[in-house]
């Protein structure tokens, strides 16, 4: 016995990863519902060694559910999450709809697990932006050891961050260019194949994009509002895996060796950092993995107490689906939630 879990957006990239990770982590699921739009009614999705037929969002009774993993976009979340929360289920929302809501905790379990106690205000927990999630996992143990004053980040974000349409566009443009076909952009504003695009989301009045703004606002909410953060977000022609070049200024000296030791002991992180031609991690290495990888740790000589490093993670996993399921584990293990069946199985 265990929890009744619903995955909303079960046919999408992240929804499918949520189903995979529930199984991989052996989360105690008593019954699983795959929820999607009307056009996907009856479509079968895989869950472990069986298939589940998709049910329709508009007609589903969420009062029978304990946990809802929501990955259907901001508009759907704004319309449904609060209704679902009022029915008694806890919603773990992957969109940006509630991240800045003061009554909704924004959680990365390795960073701010105690915020799970705030869940009862709306029965909603927000999952952070994919690039923020891996960043704060790397920053948290360093901030605990030597207070961070300022962070400069450049992201290299894969096309899967824009959904299946983004992945299809990279694939189709690559084929078209090799075959002298039509590589006209449809999903992205410019050609993504063999190119990089320094623009994700939409522009704000200050010249930053909303993707960049999300990263510093979310870092402030989860880690420390006093940290100064500037970000440039770039879309790159990689299918899965986000990378970040990060420079951090601390309030005291911290050597690369000390940083490596701190990060090696931190949860969710693996340090791969050898001064060799292949002594670092790339998105291809991280794809399909749970880990946040840190490489290229070195002193920044332009500031008194600075370090630079490279952070890579699978954006569909730690950046989205894995973090959501880890939040569900946190709800279970902390006793914050009990199954409506009255039985709680501790995850291991």
C-alpha atoms as a PDB file:
ATOM      1  CA  UNK A   1       0.000   0.000   0.000  1.00  0.00           C
ATOM      2  CA  UNK A   2       1.047   3.613  -0.440  1.00  0.00           C
ATOM      3  CA  UNK A   3      -0.074   6.833  -2.073  1.00  0.00           C
ATOM      4  CA  UNK A   4      -2.537   7.577  -4.840  1.00  0.00           C
ATOM      5  CA  UNK A   5      -0.504   9.685  -7.277  1.00  0.00           C
ATOM      6  CA  UNK A   6      -1.640  11.595 -10.352  1.00  0.00           C
ATOM      7  CA  UNK A   7       0.774  12.868 -13.007  1.00  0.00           C
ATOM      8  CA  UNK A   8      -0.768  15.772 -14.934  1.00  0.00           C
ATOM      9  CA  UNK A   9       0.884  16.210 -18.321  1.00  0.00           C
ATOM     10  CA  UNK A  10       1.800  12.536 -18.449  1.00  0.00           C
ATOM     11  CA  UNK A  11       2.409  12.492 -22.217  1.00  0.00           C
ATOM     12  CA  UNK A  12       5.007  15.303 -22.170  1.00  0.00           C
ATOM     13  CA  UNK A  13       8.787  15.000 -21.792  1.00  0.00           C
ATOM     14  CA  UNK A  14       8.793  15.834 -18.083  1.00  0.00           C
ATOM     15  CA  UNK A  15       5.620  13.889 -17.342  1.00  0.00           C
ATOM     16  CA  UNK A  16       7.136  10.746 -18.815  1.00  0.00           C
ATOM     17  CA  UNK A  17      10.292  11.286 -16.766  1.00  0.00           C
ATOM     18  CA  UNK A  18       8.145  11.673 -13.630  1.00  0.00           C
ATOM     19  CA  UNK A  19       6.611   8.256 -14.320  1.00  0.00           C
ATOM     20  CA  UNK A  20      10.058   6.742 -14.873  1.00  0.00           C
ATOM     21  CA  UNK A  21      11.532   8.241 -11.712  1.00  0.00           C
ATOM     22  CA  UNK A  22       8.603   7.245  -9.476  1.00  0.00           C
ATOM     23  CA  UNK A  23       9.450   3.695 -10.497  1.00  0.00           C
ATOM     24  CA  UNK A  24      13.253   4.093 -10.322  1.00  0.00           C
ATOM     25  CA  UNK A  25      13.109   5.532  -6.797  1.00  0.00           C
ATOM     26  CA  UNK A  26      10.570   2.936  -5.702  1.00  0.00           C
ATOM     27  CA  UNK A  27       8.233   5.632  -4.433  1.00  0.00           C
ATOM     28  CA  UNK A  28       5.310   3.969  -2.583  1.00  0.00           C
ATOM     29  CA  UNK A  29       2.552   4.290  -5.187  1.00  0.00           C
ATOM     30  CA  UNK A  30      -0.654   2.410  -4.383  1.00  0.00           C
ATOM     31  CA  UNK A  31      -2.423   3.650  -7.519  1.00  0.00           C
ATOM     32  CA  UNK A  32      -1.240   5.860 -10.357  1.00  0.00           C
ATOM     33  CA  UNK A  33      -3.346   8.090 -12.623  1.00  0.00           C
ATOM     34  CA  UNK A  34      -1.945   9.513 -15.850  1.00  0.00           C
ATOM     35  CA  UNK A  35      -3.761  12.768 -16.612  1.00  0.00           C
ATOM     36  CA  UNK A  36      -3.676  14.637 -19.911  1.00  0.00           C
ATOM     37  CA  UNK A  37      -5.780  16.735 -22.282  1.00  0.00           C
ATOM     38  CA  UNK A  38      -8.898  15.468 -24.047  1.00  0.00           C
ATOM     39  CA  UNK A  39      -6.943  14.720 -27.217  1.00  0.00           C
ATOM     40  CA  UNK A  40      -4.790  12.243 -25.257  1.00  0.00           C
ATOM     41  CA  UNK A  41      -7.674  10.380 -23.611  1.00  0.00           C
ATOM     42  CA  UNK A  42      -6.945   6.674 -23.675  1.00  0.00           C
ATOM     43  CA  UNK A  43      -3.333   7.097 -24.783  1.00  0.00           C
ATOM     44  CA  UNK A  44      -1.174   4.565 -22.981  1.00  0.00           C
ATOM     45  CA  UNK A  45       1.945   5.597 -21.048  1.00  0.00           C
ATOM     46  CA  UNK A  46       4.491   3.326 -19.420  1.00  0.00           C
ATOM     47  CA  UNK A  47       4.825   3.013 -15.663  1.00  0.00           C
ATOM     48  CA  UNK A  48       7.274   0.344 -14.597  1.00  0.00           C
ATOM     49  CA  UNK A  49       6.401  -2.924 -16.282  1.00  0.00           C
ATOM     50  CA  UNK A  50       2.838  -1.917 -17.116  1.00  0.00           C
ATOM     51  CA  UNK A  51       0.930   0.676 -19.073  1.00  0.00           C
ATOM     52  CA  UNK A  52      -1.625   3.199 -17.824  1.00  0.00           C
ATOM     53  CA  UNK A  53      -4.319   4.832 -19.941  1.00  0.00           C
ATOM     54  CA  UNK A  54      -4.525   8.607 -19.788  1.00  0.00           C
ATOM     55  CA  UNK A  55      -7.560  10.183 -18.158  1.00  0.00           C
ATOM     56  CA  UNK A  56      -8.955  13.641 -18.917  1.00  0.00           C
ATOM     57  CA  UNK A  57      -8.005  16.547 -16.677  1.00  0.00           C
ATOM     58  CA  UNK A  58     -11.352  18.337 -16.821  1.00  0.00           C
ATOM     59  CA  UNK A  59     -13.378  15.344 -15.628  1.00  0.00           C
ATOM     60  CA  UNK A  60     -10.979  13.749 -13.151  1.00  0.00           C
ATOM     61  CA  UNK A  61     -11.849  13.643  -9.427  1.00  0.00           C
ATOM     62  CA  UNK A  62      -8.731  14.805  -7.566  1.00  0.00           C
ATOM     63  CA  UNK A  63     -10.346  14.303  -4.144  1.00  0.00           C
ATOM     64  CA  UNK A  64      -9.299  10.638  -4.392  1.00  0.00           C
ATOM     65  CA  UNK A  65      -5.605  11.540  -4.835  1.00  0.00           C
ATOM     66  CA  UNK A  66      -2.806  12.154  -2.294  1.00  0.00           C
ATOM     67  CA  UNK A  67      -0.095  13.713  -4.499  1.00  0.00           C
ATOM     68  CA  UNK A  68      -0.334  15.439  -7.877  1.00  0.00           C
ATOM     69  CA  UNK A  69       2.795  15.897  -9.957  1.00  0.00           C
ATOM     70  CA  UNK A  70       1.861  18.797 -12.248  1.00  0.00           C
ATOM     71  CA  UNK A  71       3.745  19.345 -15.498  1.00  0.00           C
ATOM     72  CA  UNK A  72       1.256  20.807 -17.947  1.00  0.00           C
ATOM     73  CA  UNK A  73       2.474  24.409 -18.179  1.00  0.00           C
ATOM     74  CA  UNK A  74       1.764  27.596 -16.287  1.00  0.00           C
ATOM     75  CA  UNK A  75      -1.684  28.311 -17.688  1.00  0.00           C
ATOM     76  CA  UNK A  76      -3.036  24.877 -16.711  1.00  0.00           C
ATOM     77  CA  UNK A  77      -1.408  25.111 -13.303  1.00  0.00           C
ATOM     78  CA  UNK A  78      -2.916  28.532 -12.598  1.00  0.00           C
ATOM     79  CA  UNK A  79      -6.355  27.200 -13.503  1.00  0.00           C
ATOM     80  CA  UNK A  80      -6.168  23.894 -11.620  1.00  0.00           C
ATOM     81  CA  UNK A  81      -3.544  23.763  -8.856  1.00  0.00           C
ATOM     82  CA  UNK A  82      -5.431  25.740  -6.217  1.00  0.00           C
ATOM     83  CA  UNK A  83      -8.643  23.820  -6.948  1.00  0.00           C
ATOM     84  CA  UNK A  84      -6.772  20.544  -6.563  1.00  0.00           C
ATOM     85  CA  UNK A  85      -5.113  21.742  -3.361  1.00  0.00           C
ATOM     86  CA  UNK A  86      -8.490  22.604  -1.868  1.00  0.00           C
ATOM     87  CA  UNK A  87      -9.671  19.064  -2.638  1.00  0.00           C
ATOM     88  CA  UNK A  88      -7.021  17.729  -0.233  1.00  0.00           C
ATOM     89  CA  UNK A  89      -4.260  16.601  -2.576  1.00  0.00           C
ATOM     90  CA  UNK A  90      -0.784  18.155  -2.465  1.00  0.00           C
ATOM     91  CA  UNK A  91       0.289  19.585  -5.818  1.00  0.00           C
ATOM     92  CA  UNK A  92       3.978  19.604  -6.758  1.00  0.00           C
ATOM     93  CA  UNK A  93       4.003  22.055  -9.650  1.00  0.00           C
ATOM     94  CA  UNK A  94       6.753  22.149 -12.256  1.00  0.00           C
ATOM     95  CA  UNK A  95       5.675  25.471 -13.814  1.00  0.00           C
ATOM     96  CA  UNK A  96       6.564  29.021 -12.792  1.00  0.00           C
ATOM     97  CA  UNK A  97       2.945  29.798 -11.809  1.00  0.00           C
ATOM     98  CA  UNK A  98       3.408  29.713  -8.012  1.00  0.00           C
ATOM     99  CA  UNK A  99       7.173  29.966  -7.478  1.00  0.00           C
ATOM    100  CA  UNK A 100       7.047  33.520  -6.157  1.00  0.00           C
ATOM    101  CA  UNK A 101       3.792  33.105  -4.219  1.00  0.00           C
ATOM    102  CA  UNK A 102       4.651  33.831  -0.558  1.00  0.00           C
ATOM    103  CA  UNK A 103       2.222  31.117   0.549  1.00  0.00           C
ATOM    104  CA  UNK A 104       3.830  28.436  -1.649  1.00  0.00           C
ATOM    105  CA  UNK A 105       7.196  26.901  -0.720  1.00  0.00           C
ATOM    106  CA  UNK A 106       9.766  26.654  -3.510  1.00  0.00           C
ATOM    107  CA  UNK A 107      11.888  23.619  -2.729  1.00  0.00           C
ATOM    108  CA  UNK A 108      15.058  21.821  -3.730  1.00  0.00           C
ATOM    109  CA  UNK A 109      15.405  19.083  -1.082  1.00  0.00           C
ATOM    110  CA  UNK A 110      19.206  19.407  -0.853  1.00  0.00           C
ATOM    111  CA  UNK A 111      18.850  23.147  -0.221  1.00  0.00           C
ATOM    112  CA  UNK A 112      15.766  24.031   1.857  1.00  0.00           C
ATOM    113  CA  UNK A 113      13.979  20.841   2.957  1.00  0.00           C
ATOM    114  CA  UNK A 114      12.504  22.451   6.073  1.00  0.00           C
ATOM    115  CA  UNK A 115      10.269  24.644   3.911  1.00  0.00           C
ATOM    116  CA  UNK A 116       8.096  21.582   3.352  1.00  0.00           C
ATOM    117  CA  UNK A 117       6.360  22.525   6.610  1.00  0.00           C
ATOM    118  CA  UNK A 118       4.772  25.470   4.757  1.00  0.00           C
ATOM    119  CA  UNK A 119       2.886  23.134   2.413  1.00  0.00           C
ATOM    120  CA  UNK A 120      -0.439  23.303   4.225  1.00  0.00           C
ATOM    121  CA  UNK A 121      -1.092  26.952   3.352  1.00  0.00           C
ATOM    122  CA  UNK A 122      -2.250  26.089  -0.180  1.00  0.00           C
ATOM    123  CA  UNK A 123      -1.321  22.405  -0.540  1.00  0.00           C
ATOM    124  CA  UNK A 124       1.017  23.485  -3.356  1.00  0.00           C
ATOM    125  CA  UNK A 125       4.799  23.143  -3.592  1.00  0.00           C
ATOM    126  CA  UNK A 126       6.643  24.791  -6.478  1.00  0.00           C
ATOM    127  CA  UNK A 127       9.472  23.145  -8.389  1.00  0.00           C
ATOM    128  CA  UNK A 128      12.143  25.672  -9.437  1.00  0.00           C
ATOM    129  CA  UNK A 129      13.331  26.550 -12.904  1.00  0.00           C
ATOM    130  CA  UNK A 130      15.517  23.802 -14.343  1.00  0.00           C
ATOM    131  CA  UNK A 131      18.645  25.977 -14.421  1.00  0.00           C
ATOM    132  CA  UNK A 132      18.057  27.282 -10.896  1.00  0.00           C
ATOM    133  CA  UNK A 133      17.730  23.781  -9.439  1.00  0.00           C
ATOM    134  CA  UNK A 134      21.204  22.606 -10.416  1.00  0.00           C
ATOM    135  CA  UNK A 135      22.732  25.988  -9.561  1.00  0.00           C
ATOM    136  CA  UNK A 136      21.460  26.122  -5.976  1.00  0.00           C
ATOM    137  CA  UNK A 137      22.458  22.497  -5.326  1.00  0.00           C
ATOM    138  CA  UNK A 138      26.041  23.550  -6.102  1.00  0.00           C
ATOM    139  CA  UNK A 139      25.868  26.913  -4.296  1.00  0.00           C
ATOM    140  CA  UNK A 140      24.262  25.741  -1.034  1.00  0.00           C
ATOM    141  CA  UNK A 141      27.212  23.850   0.528  1.00  0.00           C
ATOM    142  CA  UNK A 142      29.636  26.575  -0.527  1.00  0.00           C
ATOM    143  CA  UNK A 143      27.384  29.280   0.934  1.00  0.00           C
ATOM    144  CA  UNK A 144      27.223  27.365   4.208  1.00  0.00           C
ATOM    145  CA  UNK A 145      31.013  27.252   4.352  1.00  0.00           C
ATOM    146  CA  UNK A 146      31.867  30.765   3.136  1.00  0.00           C
ATOM    147  CA  UNK A 147      29.057  33.257   2.679  1.00  0.00           C
ATOM    148  CA  UNK A 148      28.424  34.058  -0.984  1.00  0.00           C
ATOM    149  CA  UNK A 149      28.340  37.748  -1.896  1.00  0.00           C
ATOM    150  CA  UNK A 150      27.931  37.666  -5.695  1.00  0.00           C
ATOM    151  CA  UNK A 151      27.348  35.123  -8.475  1.00  0.00           C
ATOM    152  CA  UNK A 152      27.763  35.497 -12.244  1.00  0.00           C
ATOM    153  CA  UNK A 153      26.171  32.730 -14.335  1.00  0.00           C
ATOM    154  CA  UNK A 154      26.043  31.962 -18.038  1.00  0.00           C
ATOM    155  CA  UNK A 155      23.770  29.048 -18.930  1.00  0.00           C
ATOM    156  CA  UNK A 156      23.994  26.681 -21.867  1.00  0.00           C
ATOM    157  CA  UNK A 157      20.475  25.247 -21.970  1.00  0.00           C
ATOM    158  CA  UNK A 158      19.435  22.270 -24.048  1.00  0.00           C
ATOM    159  CA  UNK A 159      16.458  22.303 -26.400  1.00  0.00           C
ATOM    160  CA  UNK A 160      14.524  19.795 -24.252  1.00  0.00           C
ATOM    161  CA  UNK A 161      13.959  22.707 -21.894  1.00  0.00           C
ATOM    162  CA  UNK A 162      11.547  23.960 -24.552  1.00  0.00           C
ATOM    163  CA  UNK A 163       9.701  20.633 -24.697  1.00  0.00           C
ATOM    164  CA  UNK A 164       9.252  18.096 -27.455  1.00  0.00           C
ATOM    165  CA  UNK A 165       8.795  20.867 -30.018  1.00  0.00           C
ATOM    166  CA  UNK A 166      12.258  22.172 -29.199  1.00  0.00           C
ATOM    167  CA  UNK A 167      13.839  18.754 -29.589  1.00  0.00           C
ATOM    168  CA  UNK A 168      12.000  18.170 -32.857  1.00  0.00           C
ATOM    169  CA  UNK A 169      13.180  21.519 -34.220  1.00  0.00           C
ATOM    170  CA  UNK A 170      16.845  20.758 -33.557  1.00  0.00           C
ATOM    171  CA  UNK A 171      16.478  17.324 -35.126  1.00  0.00           C
ATOM    172  CA  UNK A 172      14.560  18.548 -38.172  1.00  0.00           C
ATOM    173  CA  UNK A 173      16.831  21.544 -38.787  1.00  0.00           C
ATOM    174  CA  UNK A 174      19.935  19.384 -38.569  1.00  0.00           C
ATOM    175  CA  UNK A 175      18.512  16.966 -41.123  1.00  0.00           C
ATOM    176  CA  UNK A 176      17.350  19.830 -43.352  1.00  0.00           C
ATOM    177  CA  UNK A 177      20.745  21.545 -43.374  1.00  0.00           C
ATOM    178  CA  UNK A 178      22.564  18.345 -44.287  1.00  0.00           C
ATOM    179  CA  UNK A 179      19.939  17.600 -46.939  1.00  0.00           C
ATOM    180  CA  UNK A 180      19.668  21.168 -48.258  1.00  0.00           C
ATOM    181  CA  UNK A 181      16.104  21.331 -46.936  1.00  0.00           C
ATOM    182  CA  UNK A 182      14.061  24.000 -45.150  1.00  0.00           C
ATOM    183  CA  UNK A 183      15.579  24.975 -41.797  1.00  0.00           C
ATOM    184  CA  UNK A 184      13.172  27.847 -41.097  1.00  0.00           C
ATOM    185  CA  UNK A 185      12.767  28.365 -37.317  1.00  0.00           C
ATOM    186  CA  UNK A 186       9.347  27.564 -35.878  1.00  0.00           C
ATOM    187  CA  UNK A 187       9.782  26.986 -32.135  1.00  0.00           C
ATOM    188  CA  UNK A 188      12.841  29.172 -31.582  1.00  0.00           C
ATOM    189  CA  UNK A 189      13.293  32.764 -32.807  1.00  0.00           C
ATOM    190  CA  UNK A 190      16.429  31.863 -34.772  1.00  0.00           C
ATOM    191  CA  UNK A 191      17.973  28.706 -36.196  1.00  0.00           C
ATOM    192  CA  UNK A 192      19.105  26.448 -33.343  1.00  0.00           C
ATOM    193  CA  UNK A 193      21.000  23.812 -35.347  1.00  0.00           C
ATOM    194  CA  UNK A 194      24.738  24.673 -35.420  1.00  0.00           C
ATOM    195  CA  UNK A 195      23.979  27.901 -33.570  1.00  0.00           C
ATOM    196  CA  UNK A 196      23.462  29.404 -30.091  1.00  0.00           C
ATOM    197  CA  UNK A 197      20.661  31.778 -29.116  1.00  0.00           C
ATOM    198  CA  UNK A 198      21.304  34.241 -26.239  1.00  0.00           C
ATOM    199  CA  UNK A 199      17.593  34.629 -25.545  1.00  0.00           C
ATOM    200  CA  UNK A 200      15.162  32.407 -23.629  1.00  0.00           C
ATOM    201  CA  UNK A 201      11.649  33.479 -22.681  1.00  0.00           C
ATOM    202  CA  UNK A 202      10.730  37.133 -23.224  1.00  0.00           C
ATOM    203  CA  UNK A 203      12.474  40.446 -22.639  1.00  0.00           C
ATOM    204  CA  UNK A 204      11.856  42.583 -19.569  1.00  0.00           C
ATOM    205  CA  UNK A 205      12.179  46.377 -19.576  1.00  0.00           C
ATOM    206  CA  UNK A 206      15.658  46.170 -18.021  1.00  0.00           C
ATOM    207  CA  UNK A 207      17.041  44.108 -20.919  1.00  0.00           C
ATOM    208  CA  UNK A 208      17.107  40.808 -19.031  1.00  0.00           C
ATOM    209  CA  UNK A 209      14.812  37.962 -20.031  1.00  0.00           C
ATOM    210  CA  UNK A 210      12.208  36.453 -17.737  1.00  0.00           C
ATOM    211  CA  UNK A 211      14.267  33.226 -17.720  1.00  0.00           C
ATOM    212  CA  UNK A 212      17.206  35.139 -16.286  1.00  0.00           C
ATOM    213  CA  UNK A 213      15.013  36.945 -13.773  1.00  0.00           C
ATOM    214  CA  UNK A 214      13.567  33.624 -12.588  1.00  0.00           C
ATOM    215  CA  UNK A 215      17.030  32.378 -11.694  1.00  0.00           C
ATOM    216  CA  UNK A 216      17.940  35.193  -9.330  1.00  0.00           C
ATOM    217  CA  UNK A 217      14.476  35.508  -7.786  1.00  0.00           C
ATOM    218  CA  UNK A 218      14.299  31.767  -7.121  1.00  0.00           C
ATOM    219  CA  UNK A 219      17.846  31.672  -5.727  1.00  0.00           C
ATOM    220  CA  UNK A 220      16.936  34.514  -3.386  1.00  0.00           C
ATOM    221  CA  UNK A 221      13.804  32.722  -2.187  1.00  0.00           C
ATOM    222  CA  UNK A 222      15.471  29.371  -1.557  1.00  0.00           C
ATOM    223  CA  UNK A 223      19.012  30.268  -0.560  1.00  0.00           C
ATOM    224  CA  UNK A 224      19.640  33.906   0.486  1.00  0.00           C
ATOM    225  CA  UNK A 225      18.075  37.197  -0.680  1.00  0.00           C
ATOM    226  CA  UNK A 226      21.368  38.999   0.019  1.00  0.00           C
ATOM    227  CA  UNK A 227      23.244  37.196  -2.779  1.00  0.00           C
ATOM    228  CA  UNK A 228      23.837  39.430  -5.804  1.00  0.00           C
ATOM    229  CA  UNK A 229      23.240  37.445  -8.987  1.00  0.00           C
ATOM    230  CA  UNK A 230      23.520  38.266 -12.676  1.00  0.00           C
ATOM    231  CA  UNK A 231      22.610  35.764 -15.384  1.00  0.00           C
ATOM    232  CA  UNK A 232      22.816  35.316 -19.146  1.00  0.00           C
ATOM    233  CA  UNK A 233      20.680  32.423 -20.443  1.00  0.00           C
ATOM    234  CA  UNK A 234      21.642  30.835 -23.756  1.00  0.00           C
ATOM    235  CA  UNK A 235      19.933  28.087 -25.762  1.00  0.00           C
ATOM    236  CA  UNK A 236      22.393  25.653 -27.345  1.00  0.00           C
ATOM    237  CA  UNK A 237      22.022  22.795 -29.875  1.00  0.00           C
ATOM    238  CA  UNK A 238      22.081  20.007 -27.276  1.00  0.00           C
ATOM    239  CA  UNK A 239      19.130  17.658 -26.812  1.00  0.00           C
ATOM    240  CA  UNK A 240      19.318  16.996 -23.050  1.00  0.00           C
ATOM    241  CA  UNK A 241      21.398  18.510 -20.257  1.00  0.00           C
ATOM    242  CA  UNK A 242      21.896  22.082 -19.054  1.00  0.00           C
ATOM    243  CA  UNK A 243      25.370  23.474 -18.359  1.00  0.00           C
ATOM    244  CA  UNK A 244      26.401  26.572 -16.436  1.00  0.00           C
ATOM    245  CA  UNK A 245      29.611  28.573 -16.196  1.00  0.00           C
ATOM    246  CA  UNK A 246      29.523  29.978 -12.652  1.00  0.00           C
ATOM    247  CA  UNK A 247      31.746  32.562 -10.948  1.00  0.00           C
ATOM    248  CA  UNK A 248      31.243  33.155  -7.218  1.00  0.00           C
ATOM    249  CA  UNK A 249      32.621  35.812  -4.889  1.00  0.00           C
ATOM    250  CA  UNK A 250      32.773  34.888  -1.173  1.00  0.00           C
ATOM    251  CA  UNK A 251      33.206  36.911   2.001  1.00  0.00           C
ATOM    252  CA  UNK A 252      36.358  34.955   2.917  1.00  0.00           C
ATOM    253  CA  UNK A 253      39.086  33.124   1.003  1.00  0.00           C
ATOM    254  CA  UNK A 254      38.174  29.624  -0.179  1.00  0.00           C
ATOM    255  CA  UNK A 255      40.644  27.573  -2.191  1.00  0.00           C
ATOM    256  CA  UNK A 256      39.742  25.256  -5.073  1.00  0.00           C
ATOM    257  CA  UNK A 257      40.829  22.256  -2.961  1.00  0.00           C
ATOM    258  CA  UNK A 258      38.585  23.324  -0.081  1.00  0.00           C
ATOM    259  CA  UNK A 259      35.680  23.814  -2.484  1.00  0.00           C
ATOM    260  CA  UNK A 260      36.229  20.360  -3.977  1.00  0.00           C
ATOM    261  CA  UNK A 261      36.179  18.780  -0.522  1.00  0.00           C
ATOM    262  CA  UNK A 262      33.003  20.644   0.459  1.00  0.00           C
ATOM    263  CA  UNK A 263      31.205  19.723  -2.749  1.00  0.00           C
ATOM    264  CA  UNK A 264      32.266  16.057  -2.590  1.00  0.00           C
ATOM    265  CA  UNK A 265      30.581  15.780   0.816  1.00  0.00           C
ATOM    266  CA  UNK A 266      27.392  17.545  -0.302  1.00  0.00           C
ATOM    267  CA  UNK A 267      24.196  15.655  -1.206  1.00  0.00           C
ATOM    268  CA  UNK A 268      23.275  15.303  -4.860  1.00  0.00           C
ATOM    269  CA  UNK A 269      26.677  16.408  -6.186  1.00  0.00           C
ATOM    270  CA  UNK A 270      29.527  14.572  -7.861  1.00  0.00           C
ATOM    271  CA  UNK A 271      32.820  16.356  -8.469  1.00  0.00           C
ATOM    272  CA  UNK A 272      34.588  15.341 -11.683  1.00  0.00           C
ATOM    273  CA  UNK A 273      37.532  17.705 -11.861  1.00  0.00           C
ATOM    274  CA  UNK A 274      40.822  16.550 -13.309  1.00  0.00           C
ATOM    275  CA  UNK A 275      43.173  18.810 -15.233  1.00  0.00           C
ATOM    276  CA  UNK A 276      43.118  16.443 -18.183  1.00  0.00           C
ATOM    277  CA  UNK A 277      41.635  16.665 -21.666  1.00  0.00           C
ATOM    278  CA  UNK A 278      38.571  14.681 -20.572  1.00  0.00           C
ATOM    279  CA  UNK A 279      38.555  15.494 -16.858  1.00  0.00           C
ATOM    280  CA  UNK A 280      35.175  17.250 -16.735  1.00  0.00           C
ATOM    281  CA  UNK A 281      31.501  16.491 -17.404  1.00  0.00           C
ATOM    282  CA  UNK A 282      29.493  17.445 -20.488  1.00  0.00           C
ATOM    283  CA  UNK A 283      25.719  17.284 -21.095  1.00  0.00           C
ATOM    284  CA  UNK A 284      26.043  13.947 -22.882  1.00  0.00           C
ATOM    285  CA  UNK A 285      27.709  12.483 -19.781  1.00  0.00           C
ATOM    286  CA  UNK A 286      24.940  13.811 -17.509  1.00  0.00           C
ATOM    287  CA  UNK A 287      21.938  12.766 -19.617  1.00  0.00           C
ATOM    288  CA  UNK A 288      19.840  10.155 -17.827  1.00  0.00           C
ATOM    289  CA  UNK A 289      21.604  10.689 -14.494  1.00  0.00           C
ATOM    290  CA  UNK A 290      20.277  12.054 -11.181  1.00  0.00           C
ATOM    291  CA  UNK A 291      23.469  13.865 -10.214  1.00  0.00           C
ATOM    292  CA  UNK A 292      24.513  17.515 -10.377  1.00  0.00           C
ATOM    293  CA  UNK A 293      28.090  17.429 -11.668  1.00  0.00           C
ATOM    294  CA  UNK A 294      30.700  20.076 -10.843  1.00  0.00           C
ATOM    295  CA  UNK A 295      33.935  20.435 -12.818  1.00  0.00           C
ATOM    296  CA  UNK A 296      36.641  22.994 -13.687  1.00  0.00           C
ATOM    297  CA  UNK A 297      36.919  24.386 -10.137  1.00  0.00           C
ATOM    298  CA  UNK A 298      39.523  27.140 -10.127  1.00  0.00           C
ATOM    299  CA  UNK A 299      40.408  30.465  -8.537  1.00  0.00           C
ATOM    300  CA  UNK A 300      38.961  33.629 -10.071  1.00  0.00           C
ATOM    301  CA  UNK A 301      41.895  36.053 -10.064  1.00  0.00           C
ATOM    302  CA  UNK A 302      39.726  39.114 -10.806  1.00  0.00           C
ATOM    303  CA  UNK A 303      38.267  39.329  -7.280  1.00  0.00           C
ATOM    304  CA  UNK A 304      39.752  38.841  -3.821  1.00  0.00           C
ATOM    305  CA  UNK A 305      37.777  35.737  -2.791  1.00  0.00           C
ATOM    306  CA  UNK A 306      36.519  34.213  -6.021  1.00  0.00           C
ATOM    307  CA  UNK A 307      36.041  30.805  -7.603  1.00  0.00           C
ATOM    308  CA  UNK A 308      34.857  29.734 -11.046  1.00  0.00           C
ATOM    309  CA  UNK A 309      33.410  26.333 -11.913  1.00  0.00           C
ATOM    310  CA  UNK A 310      31.253  24.382 -14.372  1.00  0.00           C
ATOM    311  CA  UNK A 311      27.901  22.792 -13.403  1.00  0.00           C
ATOM    312  CA  UNK A 312      26.046  20.197 -15.517  1.00  0.00           C
ATOM    313  CA  UNK A 313      22.844  18.239 -14.924  1.00  0.00           C
ATOM    314  CA  UNK A 314      20.041  16.495 -16.794  1.00  0.00           C
ATOM    315  CA  UNK A 315      17.384  19.222 -16.992  1.00  0.00           C
ATOM    316  CA  UNK A 316      14.531  16.735 -17.408  1.00  0.00           C
ATOM    317  CA  UNK A 317      15.615  14.933 -14.244  1.00  0.00           C
ATOM    318  CA  UNK A 318      17.148  17.078 -11.479  1.00  0.00           C
ATOM    319  CA  UNK A 319      15.910  20.174 -13.294  1.00  0.00           C
ATOM    320  CA  UNK A 320      12.320  18.955 -13.277  1.00  0.00           C
ATOM    321  CA  UNK A 321      11.002  15.410 -12.757  1.00  0.00           C
ATOM    322  CA  UNK A 322      13.569  14.111 -10.266  1.00  0.00           C
ATOM    323  CA  UNK A 323      13.284  17.174  -8.038  1.00  0.00           C
ATOM    324  CA  UNK A 324       9.484  16.829  -8.050  1.00  0.00           C
ATOM    325  CA  UNK A 325       9.631  13.176  -6.985  1.00  0.00           C
ATOM    326  CA  UNK A 326      12.276  14.000  -4.361  1.00  0.00           C
ATOM    327  CA  UNK A 327       9.832  16.571  -2.950  1.00  0.00           C
ATOM    328  CA  UNK A 328       7.204  13.809  -2.801  1.00  0.00           C
ATOM    329  CA  UNK A 329       9.732  11.670  -0.912  1.00  0.00           C
ATOM    330  CA  UNK A 330      10.324  14.583   1.458  1.00  0.00           C
ATOM    331  CA  UNK A 331       6.591  14.879   2.105  1.00  0.00           C
ATOM    332  CA  UNK A 332       6.467  11.174   2.898  1.00  0.00           C
ATOM    333  CA  UNK A 333       9.609  10.894   5.007  1.00  0.00           C
ATOM    334  CA  UNK A 334       8.852  14.022   7.057  1.00  0.00           C
ATOM    335  CA  UNK A 335       5.315  12.841   7.790  1.00  0.00           C
ATOM    336  CA  UNK A 336       3.949  16.044   6.246  1.00  0.00           C
ATOM    337  CA  UNK A 337       1.459  13.997   4.263  1.00  0.00           C
ATOM    338  CA  UNK A 338      -0.422  10.793   5.006  1.00  0.00           C
ATOM    339  CA  UNK A 339      -2.119   8.637   2.380  1.00  0.00           C
ATOM    340  CA  UNK A 340      -5.892   8.874   2.377  1.00  0.00           C
ATOM    341  CA  UNK A 341      -5.763   5.105   2.870  1.00  0.00           C
ATOM    342  CA  UNK A 342      -4.237   5.811   6.303  1.00  0.00           C
ATOM    343  CA  UNK A 343      -1.039   3.861   5.599  1.00  0.00           C
ATOM    344  CA  UNK A 344       2.335   5.524   5.078  1.00  0.00           C
ATOM    345  CA  UNK A 345       5.304   3.634   3.652  1.00  0.00           C
ATOM    346  CA  UNK A 346       8.701   5.184   4.274  1.00  0.00           C
ATOM    347  CA  UNK A 347      10.715   5.444   1.062  1.00  0.00           C
ATOM    348  CA  UNK A 348      14.275   4.187   1.005  1.00  0.00           C
END
